[in-house]
C-alpha atoms as a PDB file:
ATOM      1  CA  MET A   1      12.899  27.693  19.941  1.00  0.00           C
ATOM      2  CA  ALA A   2      10.989  28.753  16.893  1.00  0.00           C
ATOM      3  CA  GLU A   3      12.495  25.852  14.874  1.00  0.00           C
ATOM      4  CA  LEU A   4      11.957  23.784  17.791  1.00  0.00           C
ATOM      5  CA  ARG A   5       8.564  24.474  17.945  1.00  0.00           C
ATOM      6  CA  VAL A   6       8.014  23.668  14.328  1.00  0.00           C
ATOM      7  CA  GLU A   7       9.568  20.118  14.565  1.00  0.00           C
ATOM      8  CA  ILE A   8       7.455  19.431  17.782  1.00  0.00           C
ATOM      9  CA  ASP A   9       4.279  20.425  15.488  1.00  0.00           C
ATOM     10  CA  ARG A  10       5.433  18.173  12.641  1.00  0.00           C
ATOM     11  CA  LEU A  11       5.652  15.220  15.154  1.00  0.00           C
ATOM     12  CA  ASP A  12       2.209  16.227  16.674  1.00  0.00           C
ATOM     13  CA  ALA A  13       0.776  16.060  13.319  1.00  0.00           C
ATOM     14  CA  ALA A  14       2.655  12.844  12.679  1.00  0.00           C
ATOM     15  CA  LEU A  15       1.329  11.474  15.715  1.00  0.00           C
ATOM     16  CA  VAL A  16      -2.106  12.490  14.534  1.00  0.00           C
ATOM     17  CA  ASP A  17      -1.966  10.811  11.233  1.00  0.00           C
ATOM     18  CA  LEU A  18      -1.067   7.335  13.464  1.00  0.00           C
ATOM     19  CA  LEU A  19      -3.814   7.603  15.474  1.00  0.00           C
ATOM     20  CA  VAL A  20      -6.028   8.115  12.244  1.00  0.00           C
ATOM     21  CA  GLN A  21      -4.303   5.004  11.148  1.00  0.00           C
ATOM     22  CA  ARG A  22      -4.693   2.990  14.206  1.00  0.00           C
ATOM     23  CA  ALA A  23      -8.534   3.872  14.429  1.00  0.00           C
ATOM     24  CA  GLY A  24      -8.970   2.366  10.984  1.00  0.00           C
ATOM     25  CA  TYR A  25      -7.265  -0.584  12.367  1.00  0.00           C
ATOM     26  CA  ILE A  26      -9.856  -0.713  15.347  1.00  0.00           C
ATOM     27  CA  ASP A  27     -12.840  -0.220  12.783  1.00  0.00           C
ATOM     28  CA  ARG A  28     -11.640  -3.339  10.813  1.00  0.00           C
ATOM     29  CA  ALA A  29     -11.498  -5.257  13.943  1.00  0.00           C
ATOM     30  CA  VAL A  30     -15.286  -4.294  14.983  1.00  0.00           C
ATOM     31  CA  ASP A  31     -16.067  -6.623  11.419  1.00  0.00           C
ATOM     32  CA  ILE A  32     -13.755  -9.349  12.659  1.00  0.00           C
ATOM     33  CA  LYS A  33     -15.146  -9.191  15.941  1.00  0.00           C
ATOM     34  CA  LYS A  34     -18.725  -9.011  14.996  1.00  0.00           C
ATOM     35  CA  THR A  35     -17.984 -12.276  12.624  1.00  0.00           C
ATOM     36  CA  ALA A  36     -16.003 -14.367  15.282  1.00  0.00           C
ATOM     37  CA  ASP A  37     -18.561 -13.287  17.837  1.00  0.00           C
ATOM     38  CA  LEU A  38     -16.045 -11.042  20.061  1.00  0.00           C
ATOM     39  CA  PRO A  39     -16.497  -8.590  22.422  1.00  0.00           C
ATOM     40  CA  ALA A  40     -15.134  -5.297  22.040  1.00  0.00           C
ATOM     41  CA  ARG A  41     -12.979  -6.043  25.274  1.00  0.00           C
ATOM     42  CA  ILE A  42     -10.629  -8.702  25.654  1.00  0.00           C
ATOM     43  CA  ALA A  43      -9.209  -8.524  28.809  1.00  0.00           C
ATOM     44  CA  SER A  44      -5.882 -10.690  27.773  1.00  0.00           C
ATOM     45  CA  ARG A  45      -5.458  -8.368  24.752  1.00  0.00           C
ATOM     46  CA  VAL A  46      -5.640  -5.143  27.025  1.00  0.00           C
ATOM     47  CA  ASP A  47      -2.801  -6.718  29.347  1.00  0.00           C
ATOM     48  CA  GLU A  48      -0.836  -7.586  26.343  1.00  0.00           C
ATOM     49  CA  VAL A  49      -0.879  -4.004  24.335  1.00  0.00           C
ATOM     50  CA  ILE A  50      -0.116  -2.447  27.861  1.00  0.00           C
ATOM     51  CA  GLU A  51       2.908  -4.836  28.524  1.00  0.00           C
ATOM     52  CA  ASN A  52       4.091  -3.970  24.489  1.00  0.00           C
ATOM     53  CA  VAL A  53       3.992  -0.398  25.148  1.00  0.00           C
ATOM     54  CA  ARG A  54       5.895  -0.419  28.859  1.00  0.00           C
ATOM     55  CA  ARG A  55       8.473  -2.719  27.122  1.00  0.00           C
ATOM     56  CA  ILE A  56       8.692  -0.740  23.960  1.00  0.00           C
ATOM     57  CA  ALA A  57       8.783   2.343  25.941  1.00  0.00           C
ATOM     58  CA  SER A  58      11.789   1.097  28.520  1.00  0.00           C
ATOM     59  CA  ASP A  59      13.841  -0.311  25.945  1.00  0.00           C
ATOM     60  CA  LYS A  60      13.785   3.027  24.577  1.00  0.00           C
ATOM     61  CA  ASN A  61      14.258   4.907  27.823  1.00  0.00           C
ATOM     62  CA  LEU A  62      10.796   6.618  27.936  1.00  0.00           C
ATOM     63  CA  ASP A  63       9.003   6.468  31.022  1.00  0.00           C
ATOM     64  CA  PRO A  64       6.714   3.160  30.938  1.00  0.00           C
ATOM     65  CA  ASP A  65       4.581   4.554  33.866  1.00  0.00           C
ATOM     66  CA  LEU A  66       3.781   7.680  31.247  1.00  0.00           C
ATOM     67  CA  THR A  67       3.312   5.359  28.460  1.00  0.00           C
ATOM     68  CA  GLU A  68       1.269   2.985  30.031  1.00  0.00           C
ATOM     69  CA  ALA A  69      -1.137   6.022  30.875  1.00  0.00           C
ATOM     70  CA  LEU A  70      -1.741   7.415  27.980  1.00  0.00           C
ATOM     71  CA  TRP A  71      -2.062   3.845  26.021  1.00  0.00           C
ATOM     72  CA  ALA A  72      -4.800   2.958  28.900  1.00  0.00           C
ATOM     73  CA  GLN A  73      -6.782   6.348  27.617  1.00  0.00           C
ATOM     74  CA  LEU A  74      -5.995   5.082  24.052  1.00  0.00           C
ATOM     75  CA  VAL A  75      -7.403   1.628  24.499  1.00  0.00           C
ATOM     76  CA  GLU A  76     -10.335   2.410  26.276  1.00  0.00           C
ATOM     77  CA  TRP A  77     -10.953   4.784  23.724  1.00  0.00           C
ATOM     78  CA  SER A  78     -10.424   2.135  21.055  1.00  0.00           C
ATOM     79  CA  ILE A  79     -13.048  -0.573  22.950  1.00  0.00           C
ATOM     80  CA  LYS A  80     -15.684   2.339  23.439  1.00  0.00           C
ATOM     81  CA  ARG A  81     -15.285   2.840  19.632  1.00  0.00           C
ATOM     82  CA  GLU A  82     -15.549  -0.785  19.064  1.00  0.00           C
ATOM     83  CA  ALA A  83     -18.788  -1.417  21.607  1.00  0.00           C
ATOM     84  CA  LYS A  84     -20.515   0.988  19.486  1.00  0.00           C
ATOM     85  CA  HIS A  85     -21.100  -1.690  16.956  1.00  0.00           C
ATOM     86  CA  ILE A  86     -20.600  -4.809  18.779  1.00  0.00           C
ATOM     87  CA  PRO A  87     -23.583  -6.109  20.491  1.00  0.00           C
ATOM     88  CA  GLU A  88     -23.125  -7.327  24.260  1.00  0.00           C
END
């Protein structure tokens, strides 16, 4: 069990690293959206992201409902992060 926990902890750290990278791209999107006069929330893109992760999860035999719930939180957090810097 100890070896299993070490691997789970390693994966958790890798997931956090990936989230940090994703947040960096979100920050870059802020600059692009401000220049292009785009809002933080673009509903069609939100739908696209959710559809993409559902499909990927399903293809990899991961529960797509769980994946959607996780990504919905991640997307909302990302939009809030952008909205702090993008005027309405």
